[in-house]
Amino acid sequence: MAETLEISRRYSVHAHQDERHPVRIVEEASFEAAAIAYVEDFHPPADADGEIQVLVCDLASGHEHCFRIDLDSGEAEPCG
């Protein structure tokens, strides 16, 4: 069985519209993984629905994605 090589990328991540949680640089394999890692490490406050919205930017390409993280399930989905 072939081994899959997981390549880490550097991402800039911050809680959307929350100035108390500044930008952090994280190294992960995907945008989603970077969003989850940020929430696990820095614990920004959740909204009334128990969700956190974070913006993730790939430092190499400049591409940016927004995710809503459900703290009960741990699932991330695109904002929108």
PDB file of N, CA and C in Angstrom:
ATOM      1  N   MET A   1       0.846  -1.175   0.000  1.00  0.00           N
ATOM      2  CA  MET A   1       0.000   0.000   0.000  1.00  0.00           C
ATOM      3  C   MET A   1       0.893   1.240   0.000  1.00  0.00           C
ATOM      4  N   ALA A   2       0.597   2.177  -0.861  1.00  0.00           N
ATOM      5  CA  ALA A   2       1.400   3.392  -0.956  1.00  0.00           C
ATOM      6  C   ALA A   2       1.080   4.335   0.201  1.00  0.00           C
ATOM      7  N   GLU A   3       2.126   4.936   0.725  1.00  0.00           N
ATOM      8  CA  GLU A   3       1.959   5.919   1.797  1.00  0.00           C
ATOM      9  C   GLU A   3       1.608   7.260   1.175  1.00  0.00           C
ATOM     10  N   THR A   4       0.693   7.981   1.806  1.00  0.00           N
ATOM     11  CA  THR A   4       0.372   9.323   1.323  1.00  0.00           C
ATOM     12  C   THR A   4       1.192  10.323   2.127  1.00  0.00           C
ATOM     13  N   LEU A   5       1.812  11.218   1.418  1.00  0.00           N
ATOM     14  CA  LEU A   5       2.634  12.241   2.039  1.00  0.00           C
ATOM     15  C   LEU A   5       1.776  13.473   2.275  1.00  0.00           C
ATOM     16  N   GLU A   6       1.638  13.846   3.529  1.00  0.00           N
ATOM     17  CA  GLU A   6       0.838  15.017   3.877  1.00  0.00           C
ATOM     18  C   GLU A   6       1.756  16.236   3.918  1.00  0.00           C
ATOM     19  N   ILE A   7       1.498  17.182   3.041  1.00  0.00           N
ATOM     20  CA  ILE A   7       2.338  18.366   2.939  1.00  0.00           C
ATOM     21  C   ILE A   7       1.704  19.497   3.724  1.00  0.00           C
ATOM     22  N   SER A   8       2.478  20.077   4.623  1.00  0.00           N
ATOM     23  CA  SER A   8       1.986  21.214   5.394  1.00  0.00           C
ATOM     24  C   SER A   8       2.219  22.505   4.625  1.00  0.00           C
ATOM     25  N   ARG A   9       1.271  23.398   4.776  1.00  0.00           N
ATOM     26  CA  ARG A   9       1.378  24.737   4.207  1.00  0.00           C
ATOM     27  C   ARG A   9       1.214  25.725   5.353  1.00  0.00           C
ATOM     28  N   ARG A  10       1.670  26.939   5.123  1.00  0.00           N
ATOM     29  CA  ARG A  10       1.534  27.981   6.147  1.00  0.00           C
ATOM     30  C   ARG A  10       0.309  28.830   5.840  1.00  0.00           C
ATOM     31  N   TYR A  11      -0.494  29.008   6.878  1.00  0.00           N
ATOM     32  CA  TYR A  11      -1.730  29.783   6.756  1.00  0.00           C
ATOM     33  C   TYR A  11      -1.766  30.867   7.824  1.00  0.00           C
ATOM     34  N   SER A  12      -2.334  31.985   7.450  1.00  0.00           N
ATOM     35  CA  SER A  12      -2.652  33.059   8.381  1.00  0.00           C
ATOM     36  C   SER A  12      -4.126  32.864   8.746  1.00  0.00           C
ATOM     37  N   VAL A  13      -4.422  32.802  10.047  1.00  0.00           N
ATOM     38  CA  VAL A  13      -5.793  32.542  10.485  1.00  0.00           C
ATOM     39  C   VAL A  13      -6.174  33.544  11.570  1.00  0.00           C
ATOM     40  N   HIS A  14      -7.394  34.044  11.503  1.00  0.00           N
ATOM     41  CA  HIS A  14      -7.898  34.895  12.589  1.00  0.00           C
ATOM     42  C   HIS A  14      -9.411  34.764  12.703  1.00  0.00           C
ATOM     43  N   ALA A  15      -9.887  35.024  13.911  1.00  0.00           N
ATOM     44  CA  ALA A  15     -11.327  34.992  14.163  1.00  0.00           C
ATOM     45  C   ALA A  15     -11.955  36.179  13.440  1.00  0.00           C
ATOM     46  N   HIS A  16     -12.994  35.906  12.689  1.00  0.00           N
ATOM     47  CA  HIS A  16     -13.668  36.945  11.905  1.00  0.00           C
ATOM     48  C   HIS A  16     -14.352  37.942  12.838  1.00  0.00           C
ATOM     49  N   GLN A  17     -14.059  39.212  12.647  1.00  0.00           N
ATOM     50  CA  GLN A  17     -14.661  40.313  13.405  1.00  0.00           C
ATOM     51  C   GLN A  17     -14.457  40.197  14.911  1.00  0.00           C
ATOM     52  N   ASP A  18     -13.294  39.718  15.332  1.00  0.00           N
ATOM     53  CA  ASP A  18     -12.986  39.649  16.761  1.00  0.00           C
ATOM     54  C   ASP A  18     -11.553  40.131  16.955  1.00  0.00           C
ATOM     55  N   GLU A  19     -11.402  41.394  17.304  1.00  0.00           N
ATOM     56  CA  GLU A  19     -10.079  42.005  17.424  1.00  0.00           C
ATOM     57  C   GLU A  19      -9.272  41.482  18.614  1.00  0.00           C
ATOM     58  N   ARG A  20      -9.929  40.791  19.552  1.00  0.00           N
ATOM     59  CA  ARG A  20      -9.209  40.272  20.716  1.00  0.00           C
ATOM     60  C   ARG A  20      -8.335  39.081  20.355  1.00  0.00           C
ATOM     61  N   HIS A  21      -8.604  38.463  19.215  1.00  0.00           N
ATOM     62  CA  HIS A  21      -7.832  37.304  18.773  1.00  0.00           C
ATOM     63  C   HIS A  21      -7.099  37.665  17.489  1.00  0.00           C
ATOM     64  N   PRO A  22      -5.839  38.105  17.615  1.00  0.00           N
ATOM     65  CA  PRO A  22      -5.098  38.538  16.431  1.00  0.00           C
ATOM     66  C   PRO A  22      -4.749  37.368  15.506  1.00  0.00           C
ATOM     67  N   VAL A  23      -4.203  37.708  14.382  1.00  0.00           N
ATOM     68  CA  VAL A  23      -3.801  36.731  13.378  1.00  0.00           C
ATOM     69  C   VAL A  23      -2.725  35.804  13.945  1.00  0.00           C
ATOM     70  N   ARG A  24      -2.855  34.527  13.619  1.00  0.00           N
ATOM     71  CA  ARG A  24      -1.854  33.515  13.990  1.00  0.00           C
ATOM     72  C   ARG A  24      -1.420  32.798  12.715  1.00  0.00           C
ATOM     73  N   ILE A  25      -0.189  32.369  12.691  1.00  0.00           N
ATOM     74  CA  ILE A  25       0.325  31.565  11.584  1.00  0.00           C
ATOM     75  C   ILE A  25       0.317  30.111  12.039  1.00  0.00           C
ATOM     76  N   VAL A  26      -0.317  29.255  11.252  1.00  0.00           N
ATOM     77  CA  VAL A  26      -0.361  27.826  11.561  1.00  0.00           C
ATOM     78  C   VAL A  26       0.113  27.049  10.337  1.00  0.00           C
ATOM     79  N   GLU A  27       0.676  25.879  10.562  1.00  0.00           N
ATOM     80  CA  GLU A  27       1.103  24.988   9.489  1.00  0.00           C
ATOM     81  C   GLU A  27       0.217  23.760   9.512  1.00  0.00           C
ATOM     82  N   GLU A  28      -0.513  23.554   8.422  1.00  0.00           N
ATOM     83  CA  GLU A  28      -1.442  22.426   8.313  1.00  0.00           C
ATOM     84  C   GLU A  28      -1.503  21.973   6.866  1.00  0.00           C
ATOM     85  N   ALA A  29      -2.204  20.867   6.616  1.00  0.00           N
ATOM     86  CA  ALA A  29      -2.299  20.289   5.281  1.00  0.00           C
ATOM     87  C   ALA A  29      -3.385  20.919   4.421  1.00  0.00           C
ATOM     88  N   SER A  30      -4.357  21.625   5.035  1.00  0.00           N
ATOM     89  CA  SER A  30      -5.455  22.199   4.264  1.00  0.00           C
ATOM     90  C   SER A  30      -6.022  23.431   4.962  1.00  0.00           C
ATOM     91  N   PHE A  31      -6.837  24.172   4.213  1.00  0.00           N
ATOM     92  CA  PHE A  31      -7.515  25.324   4.796  1.00  0.00           C
ATOM     93  C   PHE A  31      -8.365  24.901   5.994  1.00  0.00           C
ATOM     94  N   GLU A  32      -9.120  23.818   5.825  1.00  0.00           N
ATOM     95  CA  GLU A  32     -10.000  23.340   6.890  1.00  0.00           C
ATOM     96  C   GLU A  32      -9.212  22.938   8.130  1.00  0.00           C
ATOM     97  N   ALA A  33      -8.109  22.232   7.930  1.00  0.00           N
ATOM     98  CA  ALA A  33      -7.276  21.804   9.056  1.00  0.00           C
ATOM     99  C   ALA A  33      -6.694  23.015   9.780  1.00  0.00           C
ATOM    100  N   ALA A  34      -6.332  24.050   9.033  1.00  0.00           N
ATOM    101  CA  ALA A  34      -5.799  25.271   9.649  1.00  0.00           C
ATOM    102  C   ALA A  34      -6.867  25.961  10.488  1.00  0.00           C
ATOM    103  N   ALA A  35      -8.109  25.993   9.985  1.00  0.00           N
ATOM    104  CA  ALA A  35      -9.211  26.606  10.737  1.00  0.00           C
ATOM    105  C   ALA A  35      -9.452  25.862  12.040  1.00  0.00           C
ATOM    106  N   ILE A  36      -9.504  24.534  11.994  1.00  0.00           N
ATOM    107  CA  ILE A  36      -9.731  23.719  13.197  1.00  0.00           C
ATOM    108  C   ILE A  36      -8.580  23.879  14.176  1.00  0.00           C
ATOM    109  N   ALA A  37      -7.339  23.857  13.675  1.00  0.00           N
ATOM    110  CA  ALA A  37      -6.168  24.003  14.552  1.00  0.00           C
ATOM    111  C   ALA A  37      -6.186  25.337  15.275  1.00  0.00           C
ATOM    112  N   TYR A  38      -6.567  26.396  14.575  1.00  0.00           N
ATOM    113  CA  TYR A  38      -6.646  27.719  15.189  1.00  0.00           C
ATOM    114  C   TYR A  38      -7.645  27.716  16.345  1.00  0.00           C
ATOM    115  N   VAL A  39      -8.819  27.174  16.105  1.00  0.00           N
ATOM    116  CA  VAL A  39      -9.860  27.144  17.139  1.00  0.00           C
ATOM    117  C   VAL A  39      -9.414  26.298  18.328  1.00  0.00           C
ATOM    118  N   GLU A  40      -8.786  25.155  18.063  1.00  0.00           N
ATOM    119  CA  GLU A  40      -8.313  24.289  19.149  1.00  0.00           C
ATOM    120  C   GLU A  40      -7.227  24.955  19.979  1.00  0.00           C
ATOM    121  N   ASP A  41      -6.342  25.708  19.328  1.00  0.00           N
ATOM    122  CA  ASP A  41      -5.207  26.316  20.031  1.00  0.00           C
ATOM    123  C   ASP A  41      -5.531  27.649  20.693  1.00  0.00           C
ATOM    124  N   PHE A  42      -6.408  28.459  20.091  1.00  0.00           N
ATOM    125  CA  PHE A  42      -6.575  29.835  20.558  1.00  0.00           C
ATOM    126  C   PHE A  42      -7.950  30.155  21.133  1.00  0.00           C
ATOM    127  N   HIS A  43      -8.919  29.264  21.033  1.00  0.00           N
ATOM    128  CA  HIS A  43     -10.214  29.365  21.702  1.00  0.00           C
ATOM    129  C   HIS A  43     -10.903  30.722  21.576  1.00  0.00           C
ATOM    130  N   PRO A  44     -11.138  31.195  20.352  1.00  0.00           N
ATOM    131  CA  PRO A  44     -11.906  32.446  20.233  1.00  0.00           C
ATOM    132  C   PRO A  44     -13.332  32.215  20.718  1.00  0.00           C
ATOM    133  N   PRO A  45     -14.019  33.275  21.152  1.00  0.00           N
ATOM    134  CA  PRO A  45     -15.379  33.109  21.683  1.00  0.00           C
ATOM    135  C   PRO A  45     -16.376  32.700  20.597  1.00  0.00           C
ATOM    136  N   ALA A  46     -17.312  31.853  20.991  1.00  0.00           N
ATOM    137  CA  ALA A  46     -18.353  31.379  20.069  1.00  0.00           C
ATOM    138  C   ALA A  46     -19.520  32.352  20.049  1.00  0.00           C
ATOM    139  N   ASP A  47     -20.309  32.267  18.978  1.00  0.00           N
ATOM    140  CA  ASP A  47     -21.526  33.078  18.899  1.00  0.00           C
ATOM    141  C   ASP A  47     -22.662  32.364  19.632  1.00  0.00           C
ATOM    142  N   ALA A  48     -23.863  32.897  19.558  1.00  0.00           N
ATOM    143  CA  ALA A  48     -25.012  32.339  20.282  1.00  0.00           C
ATOM    144  C   ALA A  48     -25.379  30.931  19.825  1.00  0.00           C
ATOM    145  N   ASP A  49     -24.957  30.560  18.608  1.00  0.00           N
ATOM    146  CA  ASP A  49     -25.233  29.220  18.079  1.00  0.00           C
ATOM    147  C   ASP A  49     -24.119  28.221  18.387  1.00  0.00           C
ATOM    148  N   GLY A  50     -23.106  28.641  19.155  1.00  0.00           N
ATOM    149  CA  GLY A  50     -21.993  27.753  19.479  1.00  0.00           C
ATOM    150  C   GLY A  50     -21.025  27.571  18.322  1.00  0.00           C
ATOM    151  N   GLU A  51     -20.943  28.582  17.458  1.00  0.00           N
ATOM    152  CA  GLU A  51     -20.057  28.516  16.302  1.00  0.00           C
ATOM    153  C   GLU A  51     -19.034  29.644  16.333  1.00  0.00           C
ATOM    154  N   ILE A  52     -17.919  29.393  15.657  1.00  0.00           N
ATOM    155  CA  ILE A  52     -16.863  30.387  15.518  1.00  0.00           C
ATOM    156  C   ILE A  52     -16.591  30.554  14.038  1.00  0.00           C
ATOM    157  N   GLN A  53     -16.475  31.784  13.596  1.00  0.00           N
ATOM    158  CA  GLN A  53     -16.174  32.072  12.194  1.00  0.00           C
ATOM    159  C   GLN A  53     -14.726  32.522  12.100  1.00  0.00           C
ATOM    160  N   VAL A  54     -13.927  31.861  11.236  1.00  0.00           N
ATOM    161  CA  VAL A  54     -12.521  32.211  11.069  1.00  0.00           C
ATOM    162  C   VAL A  54     -12.195  32.417   9.596  1.00  0.00           C
ATOM    163  N   LEU A  55     -11.237  33.305   9.344  1.00  0.00           N
ATOM    164  CA  LEU A  55     -10.726  33.543   8.004  1.00  0.00           C
ATOM    165  C   LEU A  55      -9.345  32.903   7.902  1.00  0.00           C
ATOM    166  N   VAL A  56      -9.129  32.142   6.840  1.00  0.00           N
ATOM    167  CA  VAL A  56      -7.878  31.421   6.632  1.00  0.00           C
ATOM    168  C   VAL A  56      -7.287  31.858   5.303  1.00  0.00           C
ATOM    169  N   CYS A  57      -6.020  32.276   5.310  1.00  0.00           N
ATOM    170  CA  CYS A  57      -5.345  32.735   4.103  1.00  0.00           C
ATOM    171  C   CYS A  57      -4.073  31.907   3.897  1.00  0.00           C
ATOM    172  N   ASP A  58      -3.934  31.310   2.716  1.00  0.00           N
ATOM    173  CA  ASP A  58      -2.721  30.578   2.353  1.00  0.00           C
ATOM    174  C   ASP A  58      -1.627  31.616   2.106  1.00  0.00           C
ATOM    175  N   LEU A  59      -0.557  31.564   2.863  1.00  0.00           N
ATOM    176  CA  LEU A  59       0.489  32.576   2.748  1.00  0.00           C
ATOM    177  C   LEU A  59       1.247  32.495   1.431  1.00  0.00           C
ATOM    178  N   ALA A  60       1.320  31.324   0.822  1.00  0.00           N
ATOM    179  CA  ALA A  60       2.044  31.180  -0.446  1.00  0.00           C
ATOM    180  C   ALA A  60       1.237  31.710  -1.635  1.00  0.00           C
ATOM    181  N   SER A  61      -0.053  31.419  -1.661  1.00  0.00           N
ATOM    182  CA  SER A  61      -0.866  31.790  -2.824  1.00  0.00           C
ATOM    183  C   SER A  61      -1.714  33.045  -2.618  1.00  0.00           C
ATOM    184  N   GLY A  62      -1.993  33.371  -1.352  1.00  0.00           N
ATOM    185  CA  GLY A  62      -2.863  34.509  -1.061  1.00  0.00           C
ATOM    186  C   GLY A  62      -4.342  34.168  -1.090  1.00  0.00           C
ATOM    187  N   HIS A  63      -4.692  32.923  -1.443  1.00  0.00           N
ATOM    188  CA  HIS A  63      -6.105  32.521  -1.452  1.00  0.00           C
ATOM    189  C   HIS A  63      -6.653  32.526  -0.032  1.00  0.00           C
ATOM    190  N   GLU A  64      -7.888  32.990   0.106  1.00  0.00           N
ATOM    191  CA  GLU A  64      -8.509  33.109   1.425  1.00  0.00           C
ATOM    192  C   GLU A  64      -9.863  32.404   1.434  1.00  0.00           C
ATOM    193  N   HIS A  65     -10.144  31.737   2.563  1.00  0.00           N
ATOM    194  CA  HIS A  65     -11.427  31.064   2.752  1.00  0.00           C
ATOM    195  C   HIS A  65     -11.946  31.381   4.147  1.00  0.00           C
ATOM    196  N   CYS A  66     -13.264  31.453   4.269  1.00  0.00           N
ATOM    197  CA  CYS A  66     -13.924  31.675   5.551  1.00  0.00           C
ATOM    198  C   CYS A  66     -14.619  30.376   5.954  1.00  0.00           C
ATOM    199  N   PHE A  67     -14.506  30.012   7.238  1.00  0.00           N
ATOM    200  CA  PHE A  67     -15.145  28.806   7.751  1.00  0.00           C
ATOM    201  C   PHE A  67     -15.912  29.111   9.024  1.00  0.00           C
ATOM    202  N   ARG A  68     -17.025  28.398   9.194  1.00  0.00           N
ATOM    203  CA  ARG A  68     -17.768  28.401  10.455  1.00  0.00           C
ATOM    204  C   ARG A  68     -17.503  27.056  11.100  1.00  0.00           C
ATOM    205  N   ILE A  69     -17.038  27.083  12.337  1.00  0.00           N
ATOM    206  CA  ILE A  69     -16.710  25.862  13.070  1.00  0.00           C
ATOM    207  C   ILE A  69     -17.777  25.654  14.137  1.00  0.00           C
ATOM    208  N   ASP A  70     -18.412  24.504  14.123  1.00  0.00           N
ATOM    209  CA  ASP A  70     -19.402  24.134  15.131  1.00  0.00           C
ATOM    210  C   ASP A  70     -18.648  23.508  16.297  1.00  0.00           C
ATOM    211  N   LEU A  71     -18.713  24.137  17.464  1.00  0.00           N
ATOM    212  CA  LEU A  71     -17.959  23.629  18.619  1.00  0.00           C
ATOM    213  C   LEU A  71     -18.501  22.323  19.167  1.00  0.00           C
ATOM    214  N   ASP A  72     -19.786  22.040  18.956  1.00  0.00           N
ATOM    215  CA  ASP A  72     -20.353  20.775  19.435  1.00  0.00           C
ATOM    216  C   ASP A  72     -19.881  19.588  18.600  1.00  0.00           C
ATOM    217  N   SER A  73     -19.881  19.753  17.275  1.00  0.00           N
ATOM    218  CA  SER A  73     -19.522  18.634  16.392  1.00  0.00           C
ATOM    219  C   SER A  73     -18.072  18.670  15.947  1.00  0.00           C
ATOM    220  N   GLY A  74     -17.441  19.867  15.990  1.00  0.00           N
ATOM    221  CA  GLY A  74     -16.076  20.012  15.500  1.00  0.00           C
ATOM    222  C   GLY A  74     -15.998  20.124  13.992  1.00  0.00           C
ATOM    223  N   GLU A  75     -17.140  20.216  13.325  1.00  0.00           N
ATOM    224  CA  GLU A  75     -17.152  20.286  11.868  1.00  0.00           C
ATOM    225  C   GLU A  75     -16.961  21.721  11.392  1.00  0.00           C
ATOM    226  N   ALA A  76     -16.277  21.849  10.241  1.00  0.00           N
ATOM    227  CA  ALA A  76     -16.058  23.146   9.609  1.00  0.00           C
ATOM    228  C   ALA A  76     -16.803  23.153   8.288  1.00  0.00           C
ATOM    229  N   GLU A  77     -17.464  24.272   8.008  1.00  0.00           N
ATOM    230  CA  GLU A  77     -18.121  24.440   6.715  1.00  0.00           C
ATOM    231  C   GLU A  77     -17.859  25.850   6.236  1.00  0.00           C
ATOM    232  N   PRO A  78     -17.886  26.060   4.905  1.00  0.00           N
ATOM    233  CA  PRO A  78     -17.659  27.398   4.375  1.00  0.00           C
ATOM    234  C   PRO A  78     -18.701  28.392   4.885  1.00  0.00           C
ATOM    235  N   CYS A  79     -18.283  29.627   5.102  1.00  0.00           N
ATOM    236  CA  CYS A  79     -19.214  30.693   5.484  1.00  0.00           C
ATOM    237  C   CYS A  79     -20.136  30.957   4.310  1.00  0.00           C
ATOM    238  N   GLY A  80     -21.291  31.476   4.612  1.00  0.00           N
ATOM    239  CA  GLY A  80     -22.128  31.843   3.497  1.00  0.00           C
ATOM    240  C   GLY A  80     -23.508  31.809   3.813  1.00  0.00           C
TER     241      GLY A  80
END
